[in-house]
């Protein structure tokens, strides 16, 4: 029941222009965080395991994967995370 209430609220909010604009501004950050979670899950690792391999705390991994995080991950952290999950960090730029 609560889940359907949330979905109705979310759908209603997503109809608003100001919410759509805010979401569009953060699209790259949401995509990055979804990709990090996908990589970790495909590697069969928990946040605790990633943290141990990287040499940090689970709370740092939680922040890194959180869509609500106010901090941007460093390139060094992204590189460590990628390597811990069996990936290589590649950065590309494309025309706007």
PDB file of N, CA and C in Angstrom:
ATOM      1  N   UNK A   1       0.822  -1.195   0.000  1.00  0.00           N
ATOM      2  CA  UNK A   1       0.000   0.000   0.000  1.00  0.00           C
ATOM      3  C   UNK A   1       0.868   1.261   0.000  1.00  0.00           C
ATOM      4  N   UNK A   2       1.861   1.310   0.890  1.00  0.00           N
ATOM      5  CA  UNK A   2       2.719   2.485   0.959  1.00  0.00           C
ATOM      6  C   UNK A   2       3.500   2.662  -0.332  1.00  0.00           C
ATOM      7  N   UNK A   3       3.893   1.558  -0.954  1.00  0.00           N
ATOM      8  CA  UNK A   3       4.631   1.620  -2.201  1.00  0.00           C
ATOM      9  C   UNK A   3       3.795   2.266  -3.300  1.00  0.00           C
ATOM     10  N   UNK A   4       2.507   1.915  -3.386  1.00  0.00           N
ATOM     11  CA  UNK A   4       1.654   2.525  -4.401  1.00  0.00           C
ATOM     12  C   UNK A   4       1.417   4.003  -4.110  1.00  0.00           C
ATOM     13  N   UNK A   5       1.380   4.375  -2.838  1.00  0.00           N
ATOM     14  CA  UNK A   5       1.253   5.791  -2.478  1.00  0.00           C
ATOM     15  C   UNK A   5       2.480   6.569  -2.930  1.00  0.00           C
ATOM     16  N   UNK A   6       3.650   5.969  -2.737  1.00  0.00           N
ATOM     17  CA  UNK A   6       4.885   6.617  -3.176  1.00  0.00           C
ATOM     18  C   UNK A   6       4.889   6.776  -4.694  1.00  0.00           C
ATOM     19  N   UNK A   7       4.517   5.716  -5.405  1.00  0.00           N
ATOM     20  CA  UNK A   7       4.494   5.775  -6.864  1.00  0.00           C
ATOM     21  C   UNK A   7       3.545   6.856  -7.366  1.00  0.00           C
ATOM     22  N   UNK A   8       2.387   6.965  -6.737  1.00  0.00           N
ATOM     23  CA  UNK A   8       1.429   8.003  -7.136  1.00  0.00           C
ATOM     24  C   UNK A   8       2.020   9.390  -6.877  1.00  0.00           C
ATOM     25  N   UNK A   9       2.649   9.563  -5.721  1.00  0.00           N
ATOM     26  CA  UNK A   9       3.299  10.832  -5.391  1.00  0.00           C
ATOM     27  C   UNK A   9       4.403  11.143  -6.392  1.00  0.00           C
ATOM     28  N   UNK A  10       5.263  10.154  -6.670  1.00  0.00           N
ATOM     29  CA  UNK A  10       6.371  10.337  -7.607  1.00  0.00           C
ATOM     30  C   UNK A  10       5.852  10.732  -8.991  1.00  0.00           C
ATOM     31  N   UNK A  11       4.862  10.010  -9.472  1.00  0.00           N
ATOM     32  CA  UNK A  11       4.303  10.306 -10.790  1.00  0.00           C
ATOM     33  C   UNK A  11       3.722  11.719 -10.838  1.00  0.00           C
ATOM     34  N   UNK A  12       3.054  12.122  -9.774  1.00  0.00           N
ATOM     35  CA  UNK A  12       2.477  13.466  -9.696  1.00  0.00           C
ATOM     36  C   UNK A  12       3.587  14.522  -9.719  1.00  0.00           C
ATOM     37  N   UNK A  13       4.650  14.276  -8.955  1.00  0.00           N
ATOM     38  CA  UNK A  13       5.763  15.229  -8.903  1.00  0.00           C
ATOM     39  C   UNK A  13       6.470  15.327 -10.250  1.00  0.00           C
ATOM     40  N   UNK A  14       6.601  14.200 -10.944  1.00  0.00           N
ATOM     41  CA  UNK A  14       7.298  14.204 -12.225  1.00  0.00           C
ATOM     42  C   UNK A  14       6.529  14.933 -13.317  1.00  0.00           C
ATOM     43  N   UNK A  15       5.283  15.251 -13.070  1.00  0.00           N
ATOM     44  CA  UNK A  15       4.505  16.052 -14.020  1.00  0.00           C
ATOM     45  C   UNK A  15       4.881  17.534 -13.944  1.00  0.00           C
ATOM     46  N   UNK A  16       5.488  17.944 -12.847  1.00  0.00           N
ATOM     47  CA  UNK A  16       5.824  19.352 -12.641  1.00  0.00           C
ATOM     48  C   UNK A  16       7.055  19.749 -13.456  1.00  0.00           C
ATOM     49  N   UNK A  17       6.992  20.917 -14.088  1.00  0.00           N
ATOM     50  CA  UNK A  17       8.106  21.407 -14.895  1.00  0.00           C
ATOM     51  C   UNK A  17       9.367  21.621 -14.059  1.00  0.00           C
ATOM     52  N   UNK A  18       9.216  22.174 -12.848  1.00  0.00           N
ATOM     53  CA  UNK A  18      10.396  22.446 -12.029  1.00  0.00           C
ATOM     54  C   UNK A  18      11.087  21.149 -11.606  1.00  0.00           C
ATOM     55  N   UNK A  19      10.329  20.105 -11.363  1.00  0.00           N
ATOM     56  CA  UNK A  19      10.907  18.815 -10.993  1.00  0.00           C
ATOM     57  C   UNK A  19      11.602  18.199 -12.204  1.00  0.00           C
ATOM     58  N   UNK A  20      10.989  18.294 -13.363  1.00  0.00           N
ATOM     59  CA  UNK A  20      11.596  17.766 -14.590  1.00  0.00           C
ATOM     60  C   UNK A  20      12.916  18.476 -14.893  1.00  0.00           C
ATOM     61  N   UNK A  21      12.944  19.788 -14.691  1.00  0.00           N
ATOM     62  CA  UNK A  21      14.161  20.564 -14.923  1.00  0.00           C
ATOM     63  C   UNK A  21      15.261  20.137 -13.956  1.00  0.00           C
ATOM     64  N   UNK A  22      14.914  19.996 -12.688  1.00  0.00           N
ATOM     65  CA  UNK A  22      15.894  19.570 -11.681  1.00  0.00           C
ATOM     66  C   UNK A  22      16.419  18.170 -11.989  1.00  0.00           C
ATOM     67  N   UNK A  23      15.542  17.274 -12.405  1.00  0.00           N
ATOM     68  CA  UNK A  23      15.955  15.912 -12.741  1.00  0.00           C
ATOM     69  C   UNK A  23      16.882  15.912 -13.960  1.00  0.00           C
ATOM     70  N   UNK A  24      16.586  16.728 -14.941  1.00  0.00           N
ATOM     71  CA  UNK A  24      17.415  16.795 -16.146  1.00  0.00           C
ATOM     72  C   UNK A  24      18.819  17.282 -15.813  1.00  0.00           C
ATOM     73  N   UNK A  25      18.928  18.242 -14.894  1.00  0.00           N
ATOM     74  CA  UNK A  25      20.232  18.773 -14.494  1.00  0.00           C
ATOM     75  C   UNK A  25      21.079  17.703 -13.811  1.00  0.00           C
ATOM     76  N   UNK A  26      20.439  16.748 -13.170  1.00  0.00           N
ATOM     77  CA  UNK A  26      21.167  15.714 -12.438  1.00  0.00           C
ATOM     78  C   UNK A  26      21.216  14.375 -13.167  1.00  0.00           C
ATOM     79  N   UNK A  27      20.776  14.348 -14.402  1.00  0.00           N
ATOM     80  CA  UNK A  27      20.687  13.083 -15.151  1.00  0.00           C
ATOM     81  C   UNK A  27      22.011  12.337 -15.194  1.00  0.00           C
ATOM     82  N   UNK A  28      23.117  13.058 -15.438  1.00  0.00           N
ATOM     83  CA  UNK A  28      24.429  12.400 -15.512  1.00  0.00           C
ATOM     84  C   UNK A  28      24.812  11.780 -14.176  1.00  0.00           C
ATOM     85  N   UNK A  29      24.485  12.467 -13.079  1.00  0.00           N
ATOM     86  CA  UNK A  29      24.825  11.943 -11.757  1.00  0.00           C
ATOM     87  C   UNK A  29      24.004  10.704 -11.429  1.00  0.00           C
ATOM     88  N   UNK A  30      22.714  10.719 -11.797  1.00  0.00           N
ATOM     89  CA  UNK A  30      21.873   9.547 -11.583  1.00  0.00           C
ATOM     90  C   UNK A  30      22.401   8.368 -12.403  1.00  0.00           C
ATOM     91  N   UNK A  31      22.784   8.643 -13.648  1.00  0.00           N
ATOM     92  CA  UNK A  31      23.295   7.584 -14.522  1.00  0.00           C
ATOM     93  C   UNK A  31      24.590   6.994 -13.962  1.00  0.00           C
ATOM     94  N   UNK A  32      25.478   7.853 -13.460  1.00  0.00           N
ATOM     95  CA  UNK A  32      26.730   7.383 -12.866  1.00  0.00           C
ATOM     96  C   UNK A  32      26.458   6.462 -11.686  1.00  0.00           C
ATOM     97  N   UNK A  33      25.572   6.879 -10.816  1.00  0.00           N
ATOM     98  CA  UNK A  33      25.286   6.079  -9.630  1.00  0.00           C
ATOM     99  C   UNK A  33      24.614   4.750  -9.983  1.00  0.00           C
ATOM    100  N   UNK A  34      23.717   4.774 -10.968  1.00  0.00           N
ATOM    101  CA  UNK A  34      23.099   3.515 -11.432  1.00  0.00           C
ATOM    102  C   UNK A  34      24.166   2.572 -11.983  1.00  0.00           C
ATOM    103  N   UNK A  35      25.122   3.126 -12.709  1.00  0.00           N
ATOM    104  CA  UNK A  35      26.193   2.314 -13.291  1.00  0.00           C
ATOM    105  C   UNK A  35      27.084   1.715 -12.201  1.00  0.00           C
ATOM    106  N   UNK A  36      27.402   2.489 -11.184  1.00  0.00           N
ATOM    107  CA  UNK A  36      28.216   1.967 -10.084  1.00  0.00           C
ATOM    108  C   UNK A  36      27.520   0.795  -9.403  1.00  0.00           C
ATOM    109  N   UNK A  37      26.248   0.961  -9.129  1.00  0.00           N
ATOM    110  CA  UNK A  37      25.485  -0.105  -8.474  1.00  0.00           C
ATOM    111  C   UNK A  37      25.419  -1.334  -9.372  1.00  0.00           C
ATOM    112  N   UNK A  38      25.196  -1.124 -10.667  1.00  0.00           N
ATOM    113  CA  UNK A  38      25.148  -2.248 -11.615  1.00  0.00           C
ATOM    114  C   UNK A  38      26.469  -3.011 -11.615  1.00  0.00           C
ATOM    115  N   UNK A  39      27.581  -2.277 -11.667  1.00  0.00           N
ATOM    116  CA  UNK A  39      28.898  -2.911 -11.680  1.00  0.00           C
ATOM    117  C   UNK A  39      29.120  -3.735 -10.417  1.00  0.00           C
ATOM    118  N   UNK A  40      28.765  -3.170  -9.267  1.00  0.00           N
ATOM    119  CA  UNK A  40      28.957  -3.878  -7.999  1.00  0.00           C
ATOM    120  C   UNK A  40      28.109  -5.136  -7.951  1.00  0.00           C
ATOM    121  N   UNK A  41      26.862  -5.019  -8.352  1.00  0.00           N
ATOM    122  CA  UNK A  41      25.969  -6.170  -8.322  1.00  0.00           C
ATOM    123  C   UNK A  41      26.419  -7.254  -9.291  1.00  0.00           C
ATOM    124  N   UNK A  42      26.862  -6.863 -10.483  1.00  0.00           N
ATOM    125  CA  UNK A  42      27.355  -7.847 -11.450  1.00  0.00           C
ATOM    126  C   UNK A  42      28.604  -8.546 -10.940  1.00  0.00           C
ATOM    127  N   UNK A  43      29.411  -7.839 -10.144  1.00  0.00           N
ATOM    128  CA  UNK A  43      30.608  -8.437  -9.551  1.00  0.00           C
ATOM    129  C   UNK A  43      30.240  -9.324  -8.358  1.00  0.00           C
ATOM    130  N   UNK A  44      28.961  -9.290  -7.950  1.00  0.00           N
ATOM    131  CA  UNK A  44      28.506 -10.100  -6.819  1.00  0.00           C
ATOM    132  C   UNK A  44      29.048  -9.608  -5.491  1.00  0.00           C
ATOM    133  N   UNK A  45      29.243  -8.306  -5.388  1.00  0.00           N
ATOM    134  CA  UNK A  45      29.842  -7.726  -4.183  1.00  0.00           C
ATOM    135  C   UNK A  45      28.832  -6.880  -3.415  1.00  0.00           C
ATOM    136  N   UNK A  46      29.029  -6.837  -2.115  1.00  0.00           N
ATOM    137  CA  UNK A  46      28.243  -5.954  -1.258  1.00  0.00           C
ATOM    138  C   UNK A  46      28.997  -4.632  -1.110  1.00  0.00           C
ATOM    139  N   UNK A  47      28.323  -3.644  -0.545  1.00  0.00           N
ATOM    140  CA  UNK A  47      28.998  -2.373  -0.267  1.00  0.00           C
ATOM    141  C   UNK A  47      30.146  -2.584   0.713  1.00  0.00           C
ATOM    142  N   UNK A  48      29.957  -3.480   1.682  1.00  0.00           N
ATOM    143  CA  UNK A  48      31.011  -3.766   2.655  1.00  0.00           C
ATOM    144  C   UNK A  48      32.244  -4.347   1.974  1.00  0.00           C
ATOM    145  N   UNK A  49      32.019  -5.248   1.022  1.00  0.00           N
ATOM    146  CA  UNK A  49      33.141  -5.875   0.324  1.00  0.00           C
ATOM    147  C   UNK A  49      33.893  -4.866  -0.531  1.00  0.00           C
ATOM    148  N   UNK A  50      33.166  -4.022  -1.238  1.00  0.00           N
ATOM    149  CA  UNK A  50      33.815  -2.966  -2.037  1.00  0.00           C
ATOM    150  C   UNK A  50      34.654  -2.080  -1.121  1.00  0.00           C
ATOM    151  N   UNK A  51      34.073  -1.674  -0.005  1.00  0.00           N
ATOM    152  CA  UNK A  51      34.783  -0.798   0.931  1.00  0.00           C
ATOM    153  C   UNK A  51      36.078  -1.450   1.414  1.00  0.00           C
ATOM    154  N   UNK A  52      36.020  -2.725   1.744  1.00  0.00           N
ATOM    155  CA  UNK A  52      37.198  -3.436   2.238  1.00  0.00           C
ATOM    156  C   UNK A  52      38.288  -3.486   1.157  1.00  0.00           C
ATOM    157  N   UNK A  53      37.904  -3.792  -0.077  1.00  0.00           N
ATOM    158  CA  UNK A  53      38.875  -3.871  -1.176  1.00  0.00           C
ATOM    159  C   UNK A  53      39.510  -2.506  -1.449  1.00  0.00           C
ATOM    160  N   UNK A  54      38.701  -1.466  -1.429  1.00  0.00           N
ATOM    161  CA  UNK A  54      39.183  -0.115  -1.720  1.00  0.00           C
ATOM    162  C   UNK A  54      39.963   0.465  -0.546  1.00  0.00           C
ATOM    163  N   UNK A  55      39.618   0.028   0.652  1.00  0.00           N
ATOM    164  CA  UNK A  55      40.278   0.568   1.842  1.00  0.00           C
ATOM    165  C   UNK A  55      39.558   1.767   2.410  1.00  0.00           C
ATOM    166  N   UNK A  56      38.241   1.707   2.389  1.00  0.00           N
ATOM    167  CA  UNK A  56      37.429   2.790   2.932  1.00  0.00           C
ATOM    168  C   UNK A  56      36.304   2.201   3.778  1.00  0.00           C
ATOM    169  N   UNK A  57      35.392   3.044   4.216  1.00  0.00           N
ATOM    170  CA  UNK A  57      34.256   2.588   5.028  1.00  0.00           C
ATOM    171  C   UNK A  57      33.032   2.367   4.158  1.00  0.00           C
ATOM    172  N   UNK A  58      32.124   1.527   4.636  1.00  0.00           N
ATOM    173  CA  UNK A  58      30.875   1.264   3.923  1.00  0.00           C
ATOM    174  C   UNK A  58      30.099   2.563   3.722  1.00  0.00           C
ATOM    175  N   UNK A  59      30.132   3.459   4.688  1.00  0.00           N
ATOM    176  CA  UNK A  59      29.396   4.718   4.558  1.00  0.00           C
ATOM    177  C   UNK A  59      29.879   5.534   3.351  1.00  0.00           C
ATOM    178  N   UNK A  60      31.158   5.425   3.018  1.00  0.00           N
ATOM    179  CA  UNK A  60      31.682   6.118   1.838  1.00  0.00           C
ATOM    180  C   UNK A  60      31.103   5.520   0.565  1.00  0.00           C
ATOM    181  N   UNK A  61      30.945   4.209   0.542  1.00  0.00           N
ATOM    182  CA  UNK A  61      30.366   3.539  -0.626  1.00  0.00           C
ATOM    183  C   UNK A  61      28.877   3.879  -0.722  1.00  0.00           C
ATOM    184  N   UNK A  62      28.203   3.929   0.411  1.00  0.00           N
ATOM    185  CA  UNK A  62      26.785   4.328   0.422  1.00  0.00           C
ATOM    186  C   UNK A  62      26.625   5.714  -0.182  1.00  0.00           C
ATOM    187  N   UNK A  63      27.466   6.659   0.235  1.00  0.00           N
ATOM    188  CA  UNK A  63      27.406   8.019  -0.304  1.00  0.00           C
ATOM    189  C   UNK A  63      27.711   8.033  -1.792  1.00  0.00           C
ATOM    190  N   UNK A  64      28.705   7.248  -2.196  1.00  0.00           N
ATOM    191  CA  UNK A  64      29.098   7.194  -3.592  1.00  0.00           C
ATOM    192  C   UNK A  64      27.950   6.715  -4.469  1.00  0.00           C
ATOM    193  N   UNK A  65      27.182   5.745  -3.980  1.00  0.00           N
ATOM    194  CA  UNK A  65      26.085   5.164  -4.753  1.00  0.00           C
ATOM    195  C   UNK A  65      24.753   5.887  -4.574  1.00  0.00           C
ATOM    196  N   UNK A  66      24.678   6.814  -3.640  1.00  0.00           N
ATOM    197  CA  UNK A  66      23.417   7.472  -3.325  1.00  0.00           C
ATOM    198  C   UNK A  66      23.072   8.583  -4.320  1.00  0.00           C
ATOM    199  N   UNK A  67      21.849   8.539  -4.820  1.00  0.00           N
ATOM    200  CA  UNK A  67      21.373   9.592  -5.724  1.00  0.00           C
ATOM    201  C   UNK A  67      21.194  10.906  -4.977  1.00  0.00           C
ATOM    202  N   UNK A  68      21.097  10.851  -3.658  1.00  0.00           N
ATOM    203  CA  UNK A  68      20.896  12.054  -2.853  1.00  0.00           C
ATOM    204  C   UNK A  68      22.203  12.661  -2.353  1.00  0.00           C
ATOM    205  N   UNK A  69      23.324  12.054  -2.716  1.00  0.00           N
ATOM    206  CA  UNK A  69      24.615  12.527  -2.229  1.00  0.00           C
ATOM    207  C   UNK A  69      24.903  13.941  -2.732  1.00  0.00           C
ATOM    208  N   UNK A  70      25.433  14.757  -1.863  1.00  0.00           N
ATOM    209  CA  UNK A  70      25.791  16.134  -2.212  1.00  0.00           C
ATOM    210  C   UNK A  70      27.247  16.224  -2.680  1.00  0.00           C
ATOM    211  N   UNK A  71      28.000  15.151  -2.483  1.00  0.00           N
ATOM    212  CA  UNK A  71      29.413  15.178  -2.853  1.00  0.00           C
ATOM    213  C   UNK A  71      29.650  14.447  -4.162  1.00  0.00           C
ATOM    214  N   UNK A  72      30.598  14.950  -4.918  1.00  0.00           N
ATOM    215  CA  UNK A  72      30.992  14.313  -6.166  1.00  0.00           C
ATOM    216  C   UNK A  72      32.167  13.375  -5.875  1.00  0.00           C
ATOM    217  N   UNK A  73      32.156  12.190  -6.454  1.00  0.00           N
ATOM    218  CA  UNK A  73      33.274  11.277  -6.228  1.00  0.00           C
ATOM    219  C   UNK A  73      34.522  11.768  -6.957  1.00  0.00           C
ATOM    220  N   UNK A  74      35.674  11.501  -6.371  1.00  0.00           N
ATOM    221  CA  UNK A  74      36.931  11.860  -7.027  1.00  0.00           C
ATOM    222  C   UNK A  74      37.230  10.842  -8.123  1.00  0.00           C
ATOM    223  N   UNK A  75      38.058  11.238  -9.058  1.00  0.00           N
ATOM    224  CA  UNK A  75      38.468  10.301 -10.105  1.00  0.00           C
ATOM    225  C   UNK A  75      39.214   9.113  -9.497  1.00  0.00           C
ATOM    226  N   UNK A  76      39.992   9.382  -8.472  1.00  0.00           N
ATOM    227  CA  UNK A  76      40.718   8.305  -7.800  1.00  0.00           C
ATOM    228  C   UNK A  76      39.776   7.274  -7.199  1.00  0.00           C
ATOM    229  N   UNK A  77      38.720   7.740  -6.566  1.00  0.00           N
ATOM    230  CA  UNK A  77      37.740   6.828  -5.973  1.00  0.00           C
ATOM    231  C   UNK A  77      37.021   6.041  -7.056  1.00  0.00           C
ATOM    232  N   UNK A  78      36.632   6.707  -8.144  1.00  0.00           N
ATOM    233  CA  UNK A  78      35.963   6.011  -9.241  1.00  0.00           C
ATOM    234  C   UNK A  78      36.873   4.945  -9.846  1.00  0.00           C
ATOM    235  N   UNK A  79      38.169   5.251  -9.967  1.00  0.00           N
ATOM    236  CA  UNK A  79      39.131   4.290 -10.508  1.00  0.00           C
ATOM    237  C   UNK A  79      39.238   3.073  -9.592  1.00  0.00           C
ATOM    238  N   UNK A  80      39.361   3.309  -8.287  1.00  0.00           N
ATOM    239  CA  UNK A  80      39.443   2.201  -7.325  1.00  0.00           C
ATOM    240  C   UNK A  80      38.177   1.350  -7.365  1.00  0.00           C
ATOM    241  N   UNK A  81      37.036   2.002  -7.425  1.00  0.00           N
ATOM    242  CA  UNK A  81      35.748   1.298  -7.456  1.00  0.00           C
ATOM    243  C   UNK A  81      35.671   0.427  -8.706  1.00  0.00           C
ATOM    244  N   UNK A  82      36.040   1.008  -9.859  1.00  0.00           N
ATOM    245  CA  UNK A  82      36.011   0.265 -11.120  1.00  0.00           C
ATOM    246  C   UNK A  82      36.915  -0.957 -11.043  1.00  0.00           C
ATOM    247  N   UNK A  83      38.131  -0.776 -10.565  1.00  0.00           N
ATOM    248  CA  UNK A  83      39.071  -1.889 -10.468  1.00  0.00           C
ATOM    249  C   UNK A  83      38.585  -2.965  -9.504  1.00  0.00           C
ATOM    250  N   UNK A  84      37.968  -2.542  -8.404  1.00  0.00           N
ATOM    251  CA  UNK A  84      37.460  -3.501  -7.422  1.00  0.00           C
ATOM    252  C   UNK A  84      36.359  -4.379  -7.998  1.00  0.00           C
ATOM    253  N   UNK A  85      35.650  -3.860  -9.001  1.00  0.00           N
ATOM    254  CA  UNK A  85      34.558  -4.627  -9.615  1.00  0.00           C
ATOM    255  C   UNK A  85      34.980  -5.280 -10.933  1.00  0.00           C
ATOM    256  N   UNK A  86      36.276  -5.220 -11.237  1.00  0.00           N
ATOM    257  CA  UNK A  86      36.771  -5.848 -12.453  1.00  0.00           C
ATOM    258  C   UNK A  86      36.588  -5.009 -13.703  1.00  0.00           C
ATOM    259  N   UNK A  87      36.534  -3.693 -13.529  1.00  0.00           N
ATOM    260  CA  UNK A  87      36.350  -2.781 -14.661  1.00  0.00           C
ATOM    261  C   UNK A  87      37.526  -1.817 -14.742  1.00  0.00           C
ATOM    262  N   UNK A  88      37.576  -1.102 -15.843  1.00  0.00           N
ATOM    263  CA  UNK A  88      38.557  -0.051 -16.057  1.00  0.00           C
ATOM    264  C   UNK A  88      37.804   1.259 -16.236  1.00  0.00           C
ATOM    265  N   UNK A  89      38.258   2.314 -15.608  1.00  0.00           N
ATOM    266  CA  UNK A  89      37.619   3.622 -15.738  1.00  0.00           C
ATOM    267  C   UNK A  89      38.017   4.253 -17.069  1.00  0.00           C
ATOM    268  N   UNK A  90      37.031   4.617 -17.853  1.00  0.00           N
ATOM    269  CA  UNK A  90      37.228   5.345 -19.100  1.00  0.00           C
ATOM    270  C   UNK A  90      36.372   6.598 -19.038  1.00  0.00           C
ATOM    271  N   UNK A  91      36.957   7.721 -19.438  1.00  0.00           N
ATOM    272  CA  UNK A  91      36.221   8.971 -19.442  1.00  0.00           C
ATOM    273  C   UNK A  91      36.130   9.459 -20.879  1.00  0.00           C
ATOM    274  N   UNK A  92      34.918   9.780 -21.306  1.00  0.00           N
ATOM    275  CA  UNK A  92      34.734  10.291 -22.659  1.00  0.00           C
ATOM    276  C   UNK A  92      33.913  11.571 -22.604  1.00  0.00           C
ATOM    277  N   UNK A  93      34.090  12.385 -23.609  1.00  0.00           N
ATOM    278  CA  UNK A  93      33.313  13.600 -23.743  1.00  0.00           C
ATOM    279  C   UNK A  93      32.592  13.548 -25.075  1.00  0.00           C
ATOM    280  N   UNK A  94      31.405  14.125 -25.115  1.00  0.00           N
ATOM    281  CA  UNK A  94      30.642  14.180 -26.365  1.00  0.00           C
ATOM    282  C   UNK A  94      30.071  15.572 -26.531  1.00  0.00           C
ATOM    283  N   UNK A  95      29.749  15.960 -27.747  1.00  0.00           N
ATOM    284  CA  UNK A  95      29.182  17.292 -27.966  1.00  0.00           C
ATOM    285  C   UNK A  95      27.868  17.446 -27.198  1.00  0.00           C
ATOM    286  N   UNK A  96      27.602  18.640 -26.742  1.00  0.00           N
ATOM    287  CA  UNK A  96      26.369  18.911 -25.986  1.00  0.00           C
ATOM    288  C   UNK A  96      25.157  18.869 -26.873  1.00  0.00           C
TER     289      UNK A  96
END
